[in-house]
Amino acid sequence: MAAVVALLALTATAGPALAQEPPPAGATVTESTVAPPDGGVQIIPRPDSGRQPETPFDRGGWAQLALLAGILAGMGVIVALIVRESRRRRRAGPGATAGPRPGRTSA
């Protein structure tokens, strides 16, 4: 508990003003708003600036789309099983136990 309080005290006292020193007196501060020229390195690429997929495993290739479809299908199966089991439990009533299902043998 004391470590959490100490951590909160340290982060609360450190502000953005401590991150950098103020410029010396008489210095001019300028900010650049010029975007990098075309072909410059950008962290986030512009829309439609990439290339078409050449192999199945490139971005946007059929393998990537098949993976997305598989993930969505798996999520759908999980949701369907949860809904089916909750409906069974609701139909069974509040006094039902979570014992073995009919037709199954317990070893």
C-alpha atoms as a PDB file:
ATOM      1  CA  MET A   1       0.000   0.000   0.000  1.00  0.00           C
ATOM      2  CA  ALA A   2       2.822   2.357   0.870  1.00  0.00           C
ATOM      3  CA  ALA A   3       4.481   1.664  -2.484  1.00  0.00           C
ATOM      4  CA  VAL A   4       1.304   2.649  -4.330  1.00  0.00           C
ATOM      5  CA  VAL A   5       1.021   5.893  -2.367  1.00  0.00           C
ATOM      6  CA  ALA A   6       4.698   6.679  -3.026  1.00  0.00           C
ATOM      7  CA  LEU A   7       4.273   5.982  -6.738  1.00  0.00           C
ATOM      8  CA  LEU A   8       1.212   8.214  -6.923  1.00  0.00           C
ATOM      9  CA  ALA A   9       3.038  10.995  -5.079  1.00  0.00           C
ATOM     10  CA  LEU A  10       5.974  10.804  -7.484  1.00  0.00           C
ATOM     11  CA  THR A  11       3.802  10.874 -10.600  1.00  0.00           C
ATOM     12  CA  ALA A  12       1.580  13.663  -9.270  1.00  0.00           C
ATOM     13  CA  THR A  13       4.533  15.966  -8.607  1.00  0.00           C
ATOM     14  CA  ALA A  14       6.200  15.384 -11.977  1.00  0.00           C
ATOM     15  CA  GLY A  15       4.565  17.610 -14.549  1.00  0.00           C
ATOM     16  CA  PRO A  16       5.148  18.448 -18.176  1.00  0.00           C
ATOM     17  CA  ALA A  17       7.078  21.598 -17.153  1.00  0.00           C
ATOM     18  CA  LEU A  18       9.805  19.387 -15.713  1.00  0.00           C
ATOM     19  CA  ALA A  19      10.223  17.527 -18.977  1.00  0.00           C
ATOM     20  CA  GLN A  20      12.312  20.281 -20.618  1.00  0.00           C
ATOM     21  CA  GLU A  21      14.149  23.381 -19.597  1.00  0.00           C
ATOM     22  CA  PRO A  22      12.840  26.795 -20.615  1.00  0.00           C
ATOM     23  CA  PRO A  23      14.648  28.494 -23.508  1.00  0.00           C
ATOM     24  CA  PRO A  24      17.313  31.034 -22.587  1.00  0.00           C
ATOM     25  CA  ALA A  25      16.323  34.685 -22.390  1.00  0.00           C
ATOM     26  CA  GLY A  26      16.217  36.401 -25.788  1.00  0.00           C
ATOM     27  CA  ALA A  27      15.956  33.135 -27.762  1.00  0.00           C
ATOM     28  CA  THR A  28      13.293  32.797 -30.417  1.00  0.00           C
ATOM     29  CA  VAL A  29      11.213  29.661 -30.447  1.00  0.00           C
ATOM     30  CA  THR A  30       9.792  28.444 -33.744  1.00  0.00           C
ATOM     31  CA  GLU A  31       7.609  25.461 -34.503  1.00  0.00           C
ATOM     32  CA  SER A  32       7.657  23.646 -37.803  1.00  0.00           C
ATOM     33  CA  THR A  33       4.307  22.836 -39.385  1.00  0.00           C
ATOM     34  CA  VAL A  34       5.772  21.640 -42.676  1.00  0.00           C
ATOM     35  CA  ALA A  35       4.754  18.135 -43.597  1.00  0.00           C
ATOM     36  CA  PRO A  36       7.444  15.787 -44.925  1.00  0.00           C
ATOM     37  CA  PRO A  37       7.661  15.789 -48.717  1.00  0.00           C
ATOM     38  CA  ASP A  38       6.198  12.932 -50.716  1.00  0.00           C
ATOM     39  CA  GLY A  39       8.382   9.925 -50.276  1.00  0.00           C
ATOM     40  CA  GLY A  40       9.451  11.060 -46.813  1.00  0.00           C
ATOM     41  CA  VAL A  41       9.356   8.679 -43.899  1.00  0.00           C
ATOM     42  CA  GLN A  42       6.047   8.811 -42.048  1.00  0.00           C
ATOM     43  CA  ILE A  43       4.972   6.767 -39.074  1.00  0.00           C
ATOM     44  CA  ILE A  44       1.452   6.294 -40.416  1.00  0.00           C
ATOM     45  CA  PRO A  45       1.314   5.622 -44.160  1.00  0.00           C
ATOM     46  CA  ARG A  46      -1.150   7.544 -46.287  1.00  0.00           C
ATOM     47  CA  PRO A  47      -4.240   5.705 -47.547  1.00  0.00           C
ATOM     48  CA  ASP A  48      -3.665   3.832 -50.811  1.00  0.00           C
ATOM     49  CA  SER A  49       0.076   4.457 -50.625  1.00  0.00           C
ATOM     50  CA  GLY A  50       0.977   0.770 -50.348  1.00  0.00           C
ATOM     51  CA  ARG A  51       1.212  -1.918 -52.962  1.00  0.00           C
ATOM     52  CA  GLN A  52      -1.043  -4.722 -54.075  1.00  0.00           C
ATOM     53  CA  PRO A  53      -0.440  -8.099 -52.390  1.00  0.00           C
ATOM     54  CA  GLU A  54       1.900 -10.235 -54.470  1.00  0.00           C
ATOM     55  CA  THR A  55       1.892 -13.390 -52.335  1.00  0.00           C
ATOM     56  CA  PRO A  56      -0.937 -14.883 -50.264  1.00  0.00           C
ATOM     57  CA  PHE A  57       0.781 -13.837 -47.037  1.00  0.00           C
ATOM     58  CA  ASP A  58       1.189 -10.130 -47.899  1.00  0.00           C
ATOM     59  CA  ARG A  59      -1.085  -7.559 -46.297  1.00  0.00           C
ATOM     60  CA  GLY A  60      -4.522  -7.919 -47.839  1.00  0.00           C
ATOM     61  CA  GLY A  61      -3.729 -11.323 -49.356  1.00  0.00           C
ATOM     62  CA  TRP A  62      -6.147 -14.219 -49.218  1.00  0.00           C
ATOM     63  CA  ALA A  63      -4.331 -15.818 -46.267  1.00  0.00           C
ATOM     64  CA  GLN A  64      -4.839 -12.731 -44.126  1.00  0.00           C
ATOM     65  CA  LEU A  65      -8.514 -12.559 -45.102  1.00  0.00           C
ATOM     66  CA  ALA A  66      -8.930 -16.287 -44.394  1.00  0.00           C
ATOM     67  CA  LEU A  67      -7.394 -15.764 -40.953  1.00  0.00           C
ATOM     68  CA  LEU A  68      -9.874 -12.978 -40.251  1.00  0.00           C
ATOM     69  CA  ALA A  69     -12.745 -15.209 -41.362  1.00  0.00           C
ATOM     70  CA  GLY A  70     -11.463 -18.026 -39.125  1.00  0.00           C
ATOM     71  CA  ILE A  71     -11.223 -15.742 -36.106  1.00  0.00           C
ATOM     72  CA  LEU A  72     -14.730 -14.403 -36.677  1.00  0.00           C
ATOM     73  CA  ALA A  73     -16.106 -17.920 -37.157  1.00  0.00           C
ATOM     74  CA  GLY A  74     -14.433 -19.061 -33.923  1.00  0.00           C
ATOM     75  CA  MET A  75     -15.905 -16.119 -32.038  1.00  0.00           C
ATOM     76  CA  GLY A  76     -19.321 -16.969 -33.479  1.00  0.00           C
ATOM     77  CA  VAL A  77     -19.022 -20.586 -32.314  1.00  0.00           C
ATOM     78  CA  ILE A  78     -18.044 -19.451 -28.813  1.00  0.00           C
ATOM     79  CA  VAL A  79     -21.020 -17.068 -28.609  1.00  0.00           C
ATOM     80  CA  ALA A  80     -23.394 -19.764 -29.921  1.00  0.00           C
ATOM     81  CA  LEU A  81     -22.179 -22.270 -27.311  1.00  0.00           C
ATOM     82  CA  ILE A  82     -22.565 -19.743 -24.507  1.00  0.00           C
ATOM     83  CA  VAL A  83     -26.098 -18.844 -25.617  1.00  0.00           C
ATOM     84  CA  ARG A  84     -27.058 -22.533 -25.957  1.00  0.00           C
ATOM     85  CA  GLU A  85     -25.730 -23.412 -22.500  1.00  0.00           C
ATOM     86  CA  SER A  86     -27.391 -20.419 -20.833  1.00  0.00           C
ATOM     87  CA  ARG A  87     -30.739 -21.351 -22.400  1.00  0.00           C
ATOM     88  CA  ARG A  88     -30.363 -24.926 -21.143  1.00  0.00           C
ATOM     89  CA  ARG A  89     -29.605 -23.728 -17.625  1.00  0.00           C
ATOM     90  CA  ARG A  90     -32.527 -21.296 -17.661  1.00  0.00           C
ATOM     91  CA  ARG A  91     -34.912 -24.033 -18.823  1.00  0.00           C
ATOM     92  CA  ALA A  92     -33.636 -26.410 -16.154  1.00  0.00           C
ATOM     93  CA  GLY A  93     -34.695 -24.021 -13.397  1.00  0.00           C
ATOM     94  CA  PRO A  94     -33.027 -22.623 -10.319  1.00  0.00           C
ATOM     95  CA  GLY A  95     -32.757 -25.943  -8.445  1.00  0.00           C
ATOM     96  CA  ALA A  96     -30.885 -27.756 -11.212  1.00  0.00           C
ATOM     97  CA  THR A  97     -27.393 -28.990 -10.518  1.00  0.00           C
ATOM     98  CA  ALA A  98     -24.451 -28.868 -12.840  1.00  0.00           C
ATOM     99  CA  GLY A  99     -24.043 -32.645 -12.859  1.00  0.00           C
ATOM    100  CA  PRO A 100     -23.322 -34.850 -15.848  1.00  0.00           C
ATOM    101  CA  ARG A 101     -25.528 -34.467 -18.875  1.00  0.00           C
ATOM    102  CA  PRO A 102     -27.923 -37.249 -19.850  1.00  0.00           C
ATOM    103  CA  GLY A 103     -26.329 -39.868 -22.050  1.00  0.00           C
ATOM    104  CA  ARG A 104     -22.858 -39.352 -20.672  1.00  0.00           C
ATOM    105  CA  THR A 105     -21.191 -41.708 -18.269  1.00  0.00           C
ATOM    106  CA  SER A 106     -18.888 -40.516 -15.544  1.00  0.00           C
ATOM    107  CA  ALA A 107     -15.777 -42.562 -14.870  1.00  0.00           C
END
